[in-house]
Amino acid sequence: FHLSPLFIDHASDTGLTILYDPPSDVGADRIVDAVAAVHKYGAPCVVVDFGTATNFEVIDEGGRYLGGVLTPGISISSDALFARAARLPRVAIERPQKVICTSTVGAIQSGLYYGYAGLVDGILRRMIEELGRKPRVIATGGLAPLIATASEYIEVVDRTLTLDGLRLVYGMNRPGGGRRLSAEGDAHAARFD
């Protein structure tokens, strides 16, 4: 295509200061999520990306990427359950009608949905306590809309956050780019209700 691809890593111009040890360990997906969150919603903020792994990214008001948390994604967790428990059926990951279920399928769905929502909110609660202030909490990734319905902390579900971050970092690194992020952001995605 006669194009030079942009490979994003810790050394790319992102407008963020990455305080991770070592910075090279931060994946491109985590970096672009953080860039887009600061640009769109301001800082401080926390991004919860529901992908293969569930990543939590924390950015302070100074645009510093403080670090985060990595957990197995809900799909990996459910795959492990079905692979190791021969008598349990594979089920769709969805919100059950109630927490206390009277069928195996319902019980598994309740465990996956409410268990994972509890994991997410437990981590977010501890992050907020550690930060000493309430950041914006943005969720993205395939199961974000589902799990956000049970979360006390997720404010916004942004399905295009990662792609928006890729576009922003590309703009900063192309010739004539170099646009810096504003800590104020320019929130234009729909709020989660």
N, C-alpha and C. Protein backbone atom coordinates (compact mmCIF):
# COMPACT_ATOMS: atom_id res chain seq x y z
N PHE A 1 0.82 -1.22 0.00
CA PHE A 1 0.00 0.00 0.00
C PHE A 1 0.85 1.26 0.00
N HIS A 2 2.16 1.12 0.01
CA HIS A 2 3.08 2.26 0.02
C HIS A 2 2.83 3.17 1.21
N LEU A 3 2.55 2.56 2.36
CA LEU A 3 2.32 3.30 3.59
C LEU A 3 3.28 2.78 4.65
N SER A 4 3.63 3.65 5.58
CA SER A 4 4.43 3.22 6.72
C SER A 4 3.51 3.09 7.92
N PRO A 5 3.38 1.89 8.46
CA PRO A 5 2.48 1.73 9.61
C PRO A 5 3.04 2.40 10.86
N LEU A 6 2.14 2.80 11.73
CA LEU A 6 2.52 3.35 13.03
C LEU A 6 2.36 2.25 14.06
N PHE A 7 3.45 1.88 14.71
CA PHE A 7 3.41 0.92 15.79
C PHE A 7 3.40 1.70 17.10
N ILE A 8 2.36 1.50 17.89
CA ILE A 8 2.19 2.26 19.13
C ILE A 8 2.80 1.49 20.29
N ASP A 9 3.62 2.22 21.06
CA ASP A 9 4.18 1.66 22.29
C ASP A 9 4.44 2.80 23.27
N HIS A 10 5.13 2.50 24.35
CA HIS A 10 5.38 3.48 25.41
C HIS A 10 6.16 4.69 24.93
N ALA A 11 6.91 4.56 23.83
CA ALA A 11 7.72 5.67 23.33
C ALA A 11 6.97 6.55 22.34
N SER A 12 5.77 6.16 21.93
CA SER A 12 4.99 6.97 21.00
C SER A 12 4.57 8.28 21.67
N ASP A 13 4.41 9.32 20.86
CA ASP A 13 3.89 10.59 21.37
C ASP A 13 2.41 10.40 21.64
N THR A 14 2.02 10.46 22.91
CA THR A 14 0.63 10.23 23.30
C THR A 14 0.05 11.36 24.14
N GLY A 15 0.91 12.23 24.63
CA GLY A 15 0.45 13.26 25.55
C GLY A 15 0.37 12.77 26.99
N LEU A 16 0.64 11.49 27.22
CA LEU A 16 0.62 10.91 28.56
C LEU A 16 2.05 10.70 29.06
N THR A 17 2.21 10.76 30.36
CA THR A 17 3.45 10.34 31.00
C THR A 17 3.17 8.96 31.59
N ILE A 18 3.89 7.96 31.13
CA ILE A 18 3.63 6.59 31.58
C ILE A 18 4.52 6.26 32.77
N LEU A 19 3.88 6.10 33.94
CA LEU A 19 4.59 5.76 35.18
C LEU A 19 4.38 4.28 35.47
N TYR A 20 4.99 3.45 34.68
CA TYR A 20 4.85 2.01 34.79
C TYR A 20 6.25 1.44 34.81
N ASP A 21 6.46 0.31 35.48
CA ASP A 21 7.80 -0.21 35.63
C ASP A 21 7.91 -1.60 35.03
N PRO A 22 8.50 -1.75 33.87
CA PRO A 22 9.01 -0.72 32.96
C PRO A 22 7.88 -0.23 32.03
N PRO A 23 8.00 0.97 31.52
CA PRO A 23 6.97 1.52 30.62
C PRO A 23 6.74 0.65 29.38
N SER A 24 7.75 -0.07 28.95
CA SER A 24 7.62 -0.92 27.75
C SER A 24 6.64 -2.08 27.95
N ASP A 25 6.26 -2.37 29.18
CA ASP A 25 5.31 -3.44 29.45
C ASP A 25 3.86 -3.05 29.21
N VAL A 26 3.59 -1.77 29.02
CA VAL A 26 2.21 -1.33 28.80
C VAL A 26 1.85 -1.60 27.34
N GLY A 27 0.79 -2.37 27.13
CA GLY A 27 0.36 -2.71 25.78
C GLY A 27 -0.25 -1.54 25.04
N ALA A 28 -0.20 -1.62 23.72
CA ALA A 28 -0.75 -0.56 22.88
C ALA A 28 -2.23 -0.34 23.14
N ASP A 29 -2.98 -1.40 23.40
CA ASP A 29 -4.41 -1.26 23.67
C ASP A 29 -4.65 -0.43 24.93
N ARG A 30 -3.84 -0.66 25.94
CA ARG A 30 -3.98 0.07 27.20
C ARG A 30 -3.62 1.54 27.01
N ILE A 31 -2.60 1.80 26.21
CA ILE A 31 -2.17 3.17 25.95
C ILE A 31 -3.24 3.94 25.20
N VAL A 32 -3.76 3.35 24.11
CA VAL A 32 -4.75 4.09 23.31
C VAL A 32 -6.07 4.27 24.07
N ASP A 33 -6.44 3.31 24.91
CA ASP A 33 -7.63 3.50 25.75
C ASP A 33 -7.45 4.70 26.67
N ALA A 34 -6.28 4.81 27.28
CA ALA A 34 -6.00 5.92 28.20
C ALA A 34 -6.01 7.25 27.46
N VAL A 35 -5.40 7.30 26.28
CA VAL A 35 -5.37 8.53 25.49
C VAL A 35 -6.79 8.99 25.16
N ALA A 36 -7.60 8.06 24.66
CA ALA A 36 -8.97 8.42 24.28
C ALA A 36 -9.79 8.84 25.49
N ALA A 37 -9.63 8.17 26.61
CA ALA A 37 -10.40 8.51 27.81
C ALA A 37 -10.08 9.93 28.28
N VAL A 38 -8.81 10.29 28.33
CA VAL A 38 -8.43 11.64 28.75
C VAL A 38 -8.97 12.67 27.75
N HIS A 39 -8.83 12.38 26.48
CA HIS A 39 -9.29 13.30 25.43
C HIS A 39 -10.81 13.51 25.48
N LYS A 40 -11.54 12.42 25.64
CA LYS A 40 -13.00 12.49 25.55
C LYS A 40 -13.68 12.84 26.87
N TYR A 41 -13.08 12.45 28.02
CA TYR A 41 -13.77 12.59 29.30
C TYR A 41 -13.01 13.39 30.34
N GLY A 42 -11.76 13.70 30.09
CA GLY A 42 -10.96 14.41 31.07
C GLY A 42 -10.34 13.47 32.08
N ALA A 43 -9.57 14.02 32.96
CA ALA A 43 -8.87 13.24 33.97
C ALA A 43 -9.05 13.89 35.33
N PRO A 44 -9.02 13.12 36.40
CA PRO A 44 -8.64 11.72 36.50
C PRO A 44 -9.74 10.80 35.97
N CYS A 45 -9.30 9.65 35.48
CA CYS A 45 -10.26 8.68 34.98
C CYS A 45 -9.70 7.27 35.11
N VAL A 46 -10.62 6.32 35.03
CA VAL A 46 -10.27 4.90 35.02
C VAL A 46 -10.99 4.29 33.82
N VAL A 47 -10.25 3.53 33.03
CA VAL A 47 -10.84 2.80 31.91
C VAL A 47 -10.90 1.33 32.29
N VAL A 48 -12.06 0.73 32.07
CA VAL A 48 -12.21 -0.72 32.24
C VAL A 48 -12.50 -1.28 30.85
N ASP A 49 -11.54 -2.05 30.32
CA ASP A 49 -11.66 -2.60 28.97
C ASP A 49 -11.93 -4.09 29.07
N PHE A 50 -13.16 -4.48 28.67
CA PHE A 50 -13.60 -5.87 28.74
C PHE A 50 -13.22 -6.59 27.44
N GLY A 51 -12.00 -7.08 27.39
CA GLY A 51 -11.52 -7.82 26.23
C GLY A 51 -11.17 -9.24 26.65
N THR A 52 -10.16 -9.82 26.00
CA THR A 52 -9.70 -11.16 26.37
C THR A 52 -9.31 -11.15 27.85
N ALA A 53 -8.55 -10.14 28.22
CA ALA A 53 -8.31 -9.83 29.63
C ALA A 53 -9.17 -8.61 29.94
N THR A 54 -9.47 -8.40 31.20
CA THR A 54 -10.13 -7.16 31.58
C THR A 54 -9.06 -6.27 32.18
N ASN A 55 -8.84 -5.12 31.51
CA ASN A 55 -7.80 -4.18 31.91
C ASN A 55 -8.43 -2.99 32.61
N PHE A 56 -7.81 -2.56 33.68
CA PHE A 56 -8.19 -1.33 34.38
C PHE A 56 -7.01 -0.38 34.23
N GLU A 57 -7.24 0.80 33.68
CA GLU A 57 -6.18 1.78 33.46
C GLU A 57 -6.50 3.03 34.28
N VAL A 58 -5.54 3.55 35.03
CA VAL A 58 -5.76 4.72 35.88
C VAL A 58 -4.89 5.87 35.38
N ILE A 59 -5.54 7.01 35.12
CA ILE A 59 -4.85 8.21 34.66
C ILE A 59 -5.21 9.33 35.62
N ASP A 60 -4.21 10.03 36.16
CA ASP A 60 -4.50 11.12 37.10
C ASP A 60 -4.75 12.43 36.37
N GLU A 61 -5.08 13.46 37.14
CA GLU A 61 -5.45 14.75 36.54
C GLU A 61 -4.30 15.41 35.79
N GLY A 62 -3.09 15.00 36.01
CA GLY A 62 -1.94 15.56 35.30
C GLY A 62 -1.62 14.81 34.01
N GLY A 63 -2.48 13.88 33.60
CA GLY A 63 -2.22 13.11 32.39
C GLY A 63 -1.15 12.06 32.58
N ARG A 64 -0.99 11.62 33.82
CA ARG A 64 0.00 10.58 34.11
C ARG A 64 -0.72 9.23 34.19
N TYR A 65 -0.22 8.29 33.39
CA TYR A 65 -0.73 6.92 33.41
C TYR A 65 -0.10 6.25 34.62
N LEU A 66 -0.91 6.03 35.67
CA LEU A 66 -0.38 5.52 36.93
C LEU A 66 -0.19 4.01 36.94
N GLY A 67 -0.93 3.31 36.10
CA GLY A 67 -0.88 1.86 36.10
C GLY A 67 -2.28 1.31 36.10
N GLY A 68 -2.43 0.10 36.60
CA GLY A 68 -3.76 -0.49 36.60
C GLY A 68 -3.78 -1.89 37.12
N VAL A 69 -4.76 -2.64 36.65
CA VAL A 69 -5.00 -4.01 37.07
C VAL A 69 -5.33 -4.82 35.83
N LEU A 70 -4.84 -6.06 35.78
CA LEU A 70 -5.18 -7.00 34.71
C LEU A 70 -5.82 -8.22 35.35
N THR A 71 -6.98 -8.61 34.82
CA THR A 71 -7.65 -9.82 35.30
C THR A 71 -8.03 -10.68 34.09
N PRO A 72 -8.25 -11.97 34.30
CA PRO A 72 -8.75 -12.78 33.19
C PRO A 72 -10.12 -12.22 32.76
N GLY A 73 -10.36 -12.20 31.48
CA GLY A 73 -11.65 -11.74 30.98
C GLY A 73 -12.76 -12.72 31.34
N ILE A 74 -13.99 -12.23 31.27
CA ILE A 74 -15.13 -13.08 31.65
C ILE A 74 -15.24 -14.29 30.71
N SER A 75 -14.93 -14.13 29.44
CA SER A 75 -15.01 -15.26 28.51
C SER A 75 -13.96 -16.32 28.83
N ILE A 76 -12.75 -15.88 29.18
CA ILE A 76 -11.70 -16.83 29.58
C ILE A 76 -12.12 -17.56 30.84
N SER A 77 -12.71 -16.84 31.78
CA SER A 77 -13.16 -17.45 33.03
C SER A 77 -14.24 -18.49 32.77
N SER A 78 -15.21 -18.15 31.91
CA SER A 78 -16.28 -19.10 31.63
C SER A 78 -15.74 -20.30 30.84
N ASP A 79 -14.82 -20.08 29.91
CA ASP A 79 -14.22 -21.19 29.17
C ASP A 79 -13.50 -22.15 30.11
N ALA A 80 -12.78 -21.62 31.09
CA ALA A 80 -12.08 -22.47 32.05
C ALA A 80 -13.08 -23.29 32.88
N LEU A 81 -14.19 -22.68 33.26
CA LEU A 81 -15.21 -23.39 34.03
C LEU A 81 -15.76 -24.57 33.23
N PHE A 82 -16.10 -24.34 31.98
CA PHE A 82 -16.68 -25.40 31.16
C PHE A 82 -15.66 -26.47 30.83
N ALA A 83 -14.41 -26.08 30.65
CA ALA A 83 -13.37 -27.04 30.30
C ALA A 83 -13.01 -27.96 31.47
N ARG A 84 -13.15 -27.46 32.68
CA ARG A 84 -12.68 -28.22 33.85
C ARG A 84 -13.79 -28.88 34.65
N ALA A 85 -15.03 -28.52 34.36
CA ALA A 85 -16.16 -29.14 35.06
C ALA A 85 -17.01 -29.86 34.01
N ALA A 86 -16.79 -31.15 33.88
CA ALA A 86 -17.36 -31.93 32.78
C ALA A 86 -18.88 -31.90 32.72
N ARG A 87 -19.53 -31.78 33.85
CA ARG A 87 -21.00 -31.85 33.85
C ARG A 87 -21.67 -30.50 33.69
N LEU A 88 -20.92 -29.43 33.63
CA LEU A 88 -21.54 -28.12 33.49
C LEU A 88 -21.67 -27.75 32.01
N PRO A 89 -22.86 -27.30 31.61
CA PRO A 89 -23.05 -26.94 30.20
C PRO A 89 -22.47 -25.55 29.91
N ARG A 90 -22.10 -25.35 28.66
CA ARG A 90 -21.67 -24.03 28.20
C ARG A 90 -22.94 -23.17 28.10
N VAL A 91 -22.88 -21.95 28.62
CA VAL A 91 -24.05 -21.07 28.59
C VAL A 91 -23.67 -19.71 28.01
N ALA A 92 -24.67 -19.00 27.55
CA ALA A 92 -24.46 -17.62 27.09
C ALA A 92 -24.19 -16.74 28.30
N ILE A 93 -23.31 -15.78 28.12
CA ILE A 93 -23.04 -14.84 29.21
C ILE A 93 -24.08 -13.73 29.11
N GLU A 94 -25.02 -13.76 30.03
CA GLU A 94 -26.09 -12.76 30.05
C GLU A 94 -26.62 -12.59 31.46
N ARG A 95 -27.38 -11.51 31.65
CA ARG A 95 -27.94 -11.22 32.97
C ARG A 95 -29.10 -12.17 33.25
N PRO A 96 -29.02 -12.91 34.36
CA PRO A 96 -30.13 -13.80 34.70
C PRO A 96 -31.29 -12.99 35.28
N GLN A 97 -32.45 -13.61 35.35
CA GLN A 97 -33.63 -12.91 35.88
C GLN A 97 -33.50 -12.61 37.36
N LYS A 98 -32.74 -13.44 38.08
CA LYS A 98 -32.54 -13.20 39.52
C LYS A 98 -31.18 -13.76 39.92
N VAL A 99 -30.73 -13.40 41.11
CA VAL A 99 -29.44 -13.87 41.59
C VAL A 99 -29.52 -15.33 41.99
N ILE A 100 -30.52 -15.67 42.79
CA ILE A 100 -30.69 -17.05 43.26
C ILE A 100 -31.47 -17.80 42.19
N CYS A 101 -30.80 -18.69 41.50
CA CYS A 101 -31.42 -19.38 40.36
C CYS A 101 -31.76 -20.82 40.71
N THR A 102 -32.76 -21.36 40.03
CA THR A 102 -33.23 -22.71 40.31
C THR A 102 -32.87 -23.70 39.20
N SER A 103 -31.95 -23.30 38.33
CA SER A 103 -31.47 -24.21 37.29
C SER A 103 -29.96 -24.06 37.17
N THR A 104 -29.31 -25.06 36.63
CA THR A 104 -27.86 -25.01 36.46
C THR A 104 -27.46 -23.88 35.51
N VAL A 105 -28.18 -23.75 34.40
CA VAL A 105 -27.87 -22.68 33.44
C VAL A 105 -28.00 -21.32 34.12
N GLY A 106 -29.09 -21.10 34.83
CA GLY A 106 -29.30 -19.83 35.53
C GLY A 106 -28.24 -19.58 36.59
N ALA A 107 -27.89 -20.64 37.33
CA ALA A 107 -26.88 -20.50 38.38
C ALA A 107 -25.52 -20.11 37.80
N ILE A 108 -25.15 -20.72 36.66
CA ILE A 108 -23.88 -20.37 36.02
C ILE A 108 -23.94 -18.93 35.52
N GLN A 109 -25.04 -18.55 34.88
CA GLN A 109 -25.18 -17.17 34.39
C GLN A 109 -25.12 -16.18 35.54
N SER A 110 -25.76 -16.50 36.65
CA SER A 110 -25.72 -15.62 37.82
C SER A 110 -24.30 -15.48 38.35
N GLY A 111 -23.59 -16.59 38.42
CA GLY A 111 -22.21 -16.55 38.90
C GLY A 111 -21.31 -15.74 38.00
N LEU A 112 -21.46 -15.93 36.69
CA LEU A 112 -20.63 -15.17 35.76
C LEU A 112 -20.97 -13.69 35.80
N TYR A 113 -22.24 -13.36 35.72
CA TYR A 113 -22.66 -11.96 35.64
C TYR A 113 -22.41 -11.22 36.96
N TYR A 114 -22.99 -11.71 38.04
CA TYR A 114 -22.86 -11.00 39.32
C TYR A 114 -21.46 -11.16 39.92
N GLY A 115 -20.84 -12.32 39.69
CA GLY A 115 -19.47 -12.50 40.16
C GLY A 115 -18.52 -11.55 39.49
N TYR A 116 -18.66 -11.40 38.19
CA TYR A 116 -17.76 -10.50 37.47
C TYR A 116 -18.06 -9.04 37.79
N ALA A 117 -19.35 -8.70 37.93
CA ALA A 117 -19.70 -7.33 38.32
C ALA A 117 -19.12 -7.02 39.71
N GLY A 118 -19.14 -8.00 40.60
CA GLY A 118 -18.56 -7.81 41.93
C GLY A 118 -17.05 -7.62 41.86
N LEU A 119 -16.39 -8.39 41.00
CA LEU A 119 -14.95 -8.23 40.81
C LEU A 119 -14.64 -6.82 40.32
N VAL A 120 -15.36 -6.37 39.30
CA VAL A 120 -15.12 -5.04 38.72
C VAL A 120 -15.36 -3.96 39.77
N ASP A 121 -16.49 -4.00 40.46
CA ASP A 121 -16.77 -2.96 41.45
C ASP A 121 -15.83 -3.03 42.64
N GLY A 122 -15.42 -4.23 43.03
CA GLY A 122 -14.46 -4.35 44.13
C GLY A 122 -13.13 -3.71 43.79
N ILE A 123 -12.65 -3.94 42.59
CA ILE A 123 -11.39 -3.32 42.16
C ILE A 123 -11.56 -1.81 42.04
N LEU A 124 -12.66 -1.37 41.42
CA LEU A 124 -12.88 0.08 41.28
C LEU A 124 -12.99 0.77 42.64
N ARG A 125 -13.67 0.16 43.58
CA ARG A 125 -13.79 0.75 44.92
C ARG A 125 -12.43 0.94 45.57
N ARG A 126 -11.59 -0.06 45.47
CA ARG A 126 -10.24 0.02 46.04
C ARG A 126 -9.39 1.06 45.31
N MET A 127 -9.54 1.15 44.00
CA MET A 127 -8.79 2.17 43.24
C MET A 127 -9.20 3.57 43.68
N ILE A 128 -10.49 3.79 43.83
CA ILE A 128 -10.99 5.10 44.25
C ILE A 128 -10.47 5.45 45.64
N GLU A 129 -10.48 4.46 46.54
CA GLU A 129 -9.93 4.69 47.89
C GLU A 129 -8.45 5.05 47.82
N GLU A 130 -7.70 4.34 46.98
CA GLU A 130 -6.25 4.59 46.86
C GLU A 130 -5.97 5.96 46.24
N LEU A 131 -6.79 6.36 45.26
CA LEU A 131 -6.61 7.67 44.63
C LEU A 131 -7.01 8.81 45.56
N GLY A 132 -7.98 8.55 46.44
CA GLY A 132 -8.45 9.58 47.36
C GLY A 132 -9.44 10.55 46.73
N ARG A 133 -9.92 10.24 45.56
CA ARG A 133 -10.93 11.07 44.89
C ARG A 133 -11.64 10.21 43.86
N LYS A 134 -12.79 10.68 43.40
CA LYS A 134 -13.62 9.93 42.45
C LYS A 134 -13.25 10.29 41.02
N PRO A 135 -12.66 9.36 40.27
CA PRO A 135 -12.38 9.60 38.85
C PRO A 135 -13.60 9.27 38.00
N ARG A 136 -13.59 9.71 36.76
CA ARG A 136 -14.58 9.24 35.79
C ARG A 136 -14.26 7.78 35.51
N VAL A 137 -15.27 6.95 35.36
CA VAL A 137 -15.06 5.54 35.07
C VAL A 137 -15.74 5.23 33.74
N ILE A 138 -14.93 4.82 32.78
CA ILE A 138 -15.37 4.56 31.42
C ILE A 138 -15.13 3.09 31.12
N ALA A 139 -16.13 2.43 30.54
CA ALA A 139 -15.99 1.03 30.15
C ALA A 139 -16.02 0.90 28.64
N THR A 140 -15.27 -0.05 28.13
CA THR A 140 -15.25 -0.34 26.70
C THR A 140 -15.04 -1.84 26.53
N GLY A 141 -15.15 -2.32 25.31
CA GLY A 141 -14.95 -3.73 25.03
C GLY A 141 -16.27 -4.46 24.89
N GLY A 142 -16.19 -5.67 24.40
CA GLY A 142 -17.36 -6.44 24.02
C GLY A 142 -18.44 -6.60 25.07
N LEU A 143 -18.08 -6.91 26.31
CA LEU A 143 -19.09 -7.14 27.34
C LEU A 143 -19.32 -5.93 28.24
N ALA A 144 -18.75 -4.79 27.89
CA ALA A 144 -18.94 -3.58 28.71
C ALA A 144 -20.41 -3.22 28.89
N PRO A 145 -21.24 -3.21 27.84
CA PRO A 145 -22.64 -2.84 28.05
C PRO A 145 -23.37 -3.77 29.01
N LEU A 146 -23.03 -5.06 28.98
CA LEU A 146 -23.69 -6.02 29.86
C LEU A 146 -23.27 -5.83 31.31
N ILE A 147 -21.97 -5.83 31.57
CA ILE A 147 -21.49 -5.76 32.95
C ILE A 147 -21.76 -4.38 33.56
N ALA A 148 -21.74 -3.33 32.76
CA ALA A 148 -21.98 -1.98 33.28
C ALA A 148 -23.37 -1.85 33.91
N THR A 149 -24.33 -2.65 33.47
CA THR A 149 -25.67 -2.55 34.04
C THR A 149 -25.71 -2.97 35.50
N ALA A 150 -24.70 -3.72 35.95
CA ALA A 150 -24.65 -4.15 37.35
C ALA A 150 -23.63 -3.38 38.17
N SER A 151 -22.91 -2.45 37.54
CA SER A 151 -21.84 -1.74 38.23
C SER A 151 -22.34 -0.47 38.91
N GLU A 152 -21.83 -0.23 40.10
CA GLU A 152 -22.13 1.02 40.82
C GLU A 152 -21.22 2.16 40.38
N TYR A 153 -20.11 1.85 39.71
CA TYR A 153 -19.09 2.86 39.42
C TYR A 153 -18.96 3.25 37.95
N ILE A 154 -19.30 2.35 37.04
CA ILE A 154 -19.15 2.67 35.62
C ILE A 154 -20.17 3.73 35.23
N GLU A 155 -19.67 4.86 34.73
CA GLU A 155 -20.52 5.98 34.34
C GLU A 155 -20.85 5.98 32.86
N VAL A 156 -19.90 5.57 32.03
CA VAL A 156 -20.03 5.68 30.59
C VAL A 156 -19.57 4.38 29.94
N VAL A 157 -20.33 3.92 28.95
CA VAL A 157 -19.89 2.82 28.09
C VAL A 157 -19.58 3.45 26.75
N ASP A 158 -18.35 3.28 26.30
CA ASP A 158 -17.89 3.87 25.05
C ASP A 158 -17.36 2.75 24.17
N ARG A 159 -18.16 2.34 23.20
CA ARG A 159 -17.81 1.19 22.35
C ARG A 159 -16.65 1.48 21.41
N THR A 160 -16.35 2.74 21.14
CA THR A 160 -15.30 3.07 20.17
C THR A 160 -14.05 3.65 20.82
N LEU A 161 -13.92 3.53 22.11
CA LEU A 161 -12.81 4.17 22.82
C LEU A 161 -11.44 3.76 22.27
N THR A 162 -11.22 2.47 22.06
CA THR A 162 -9.92 2.00 21.57
C THR A 162 -9.64 2.53 20.17
N LEU A 163 -10.63 2.48 19.30
CA LEU A 163 -10.45 3.00 17.94
C LEU A 163 -10.22 4.51 17.95
N ASP A 164 -10.94 5.22 18.82
CA ASP A 164 -10.72 6.67 18.94
C ASP A 164 -9.30 6.95 19.42
N GLY A 165 -8.81 6.14 20.35
CA GLY A 165 -7.44 6.31 20.83
C GLY A 165 -6.42 6.07 19.73
N LEU A 166 -6.65 5.06 18.90
CA LEU A 166 -5.75 4.80 17.77
C LEU A 166 -5.71 6.01 16.83
N ARG A 167 -6.89 6.57 16.54
CA ARG A 167 -6.96 7.74 15.66
C ARG A 167 -6.23 8.92 16.27
N LEU A 168 -6.41 9.14 17.55
CA LEU A 168 -5.77 10.28 18.23
C LEU A 168 -4.24 10.13 18.24
N VAL A 169 -3.75 8.94 18.57
CA VAL A 169 -2.31 8.73 18.62
C VAL A 169 -1.72 8.84 17.22
N TYR A 170 -2.42 8.33 16.23
CA TYR A 170 -1.95 8.49 14.85
C TYR A 170 -1.82 9.97 14.51
N GLY A 171 -2.82 10.76 14.87
CA GLY A 171 -2.79 12.20 14.60
C GLY A 171 -1.62 12.90 15.28
N MET A 172 -1.26 12.44 16.46
CA MET A 172 -0.14 13.05 17.19
C MET A 172 1.21 12.65 16.63
N ASN A 173 1.28 11.54 15.92
CA ASN A 173 2.56 11.00 15.46
C ASN A 173 2.78 11.13 13.96
N ARG A 174 1.82 11.61 13.22
CA ARG A 174 2.03 11.80 11.78
C ARG A 174 2.72 13.14 11.57
N PRO A 175 3.35 13.33 10.45
CA PRO A 175 3.99 14.62 10.18
C PRO A 175 2.97 15.76 10.27
N GLY A 176 3.31 16.78 11.04
CA GLY A 176 2.40 17.91 11.23
C GLY A 176 1.37 17.67 12.32
N GLY A 177 1.41 16.48 12.97
CA GLY A 177 0.45 16.16 14.04
C GLY A 177 0.87 16.84 15.34
N GLY A 178 1.18 16.04 16.32
CA GLY A 178 1.71 16.56 17.58
C GLY A 178 0.70 17.26 18.47
N ARG A 179 -0.57 17.04 18.27
CA ARG A 179 -1.58 17.66 19.13
C ARG A 179 -1.52 17.04 20.51
N ARG A 180 -1.50 17.85 21.54
CA ARG A 180 -1.44 17.37 22.92
C ARG A 180 -2.85 17.19 23.46
N LEU A 181 -2.97 16.32 24.45
CA LEU A 181 -4.27 16.07 25.08
C LEU A 181 -4.59 17.13 26.09
N SER A 182 -5.86 17.39 26.22
CA SER A 182 -6.34 18.31 27.25
C SER A 182 -6.88 17.50 28.41
N ALA A 183 -6.52 17.87 29.62
CA ALA A 183 -7.06 17.19 30.79
C ALA A 183 -8.55 17.46 30.94
N GLU A 184 -9.04 18.50 30.27
CA GLU A 184 -10.46 18.81 30.32
C GLU A 184 -11.27 17.84 29.49
N GLY A 185 -10.68 17.34 28.39
CA GLY A 185 -11.40 16.41 27.54
C GLY A 185 -12.47 17.10 26.71
N ASP A 186 -13.15 16.33 25.89
CA ASP A 186 -14.26 16.87 25.12
C ASP A 186 -15.33 15.79 25.03
N ALA A 187 -15.92 15.47 26.17
CA ALA A 187 -16.87 14.35 26.26
C ALA A 187 -17.96 14.48 25.20
N HIS A 188 -18.02 13.47 24.34
CA HIS A 188 -19.07 13.48 23.33
C HIS A 188 -19.65 12.10 23.10
N ALA A 189 -19.41 11.17 23.99
CA ALA A 189 -20.03 9.86 23.88
C ALA A 189 -21.24 9.83 24.81
N ALA A 190 -22.14 8.93 24.52
CA ALA A 190 -23.37 8.84 25.32
C ALA A 190 -23.05 8.38 26.74
N ARG A 191 -23.69 8.97 27.70
CA ARG A 191 -23.54 8.54 29.09
C ARG A 191 -24.28 7.22 29.27
N PHE A 192 -23.78 6.41 30.20
CA PHE A 192 -24.45 5.15 30.49
C PHE A 192 -25.48 5.40 31.57
N ASP A 193 -26.68 4.97 31.33
CA ASP A 193 -27.75 5.09 32.33
C ASP A 193 -28.26 3.73 32.72
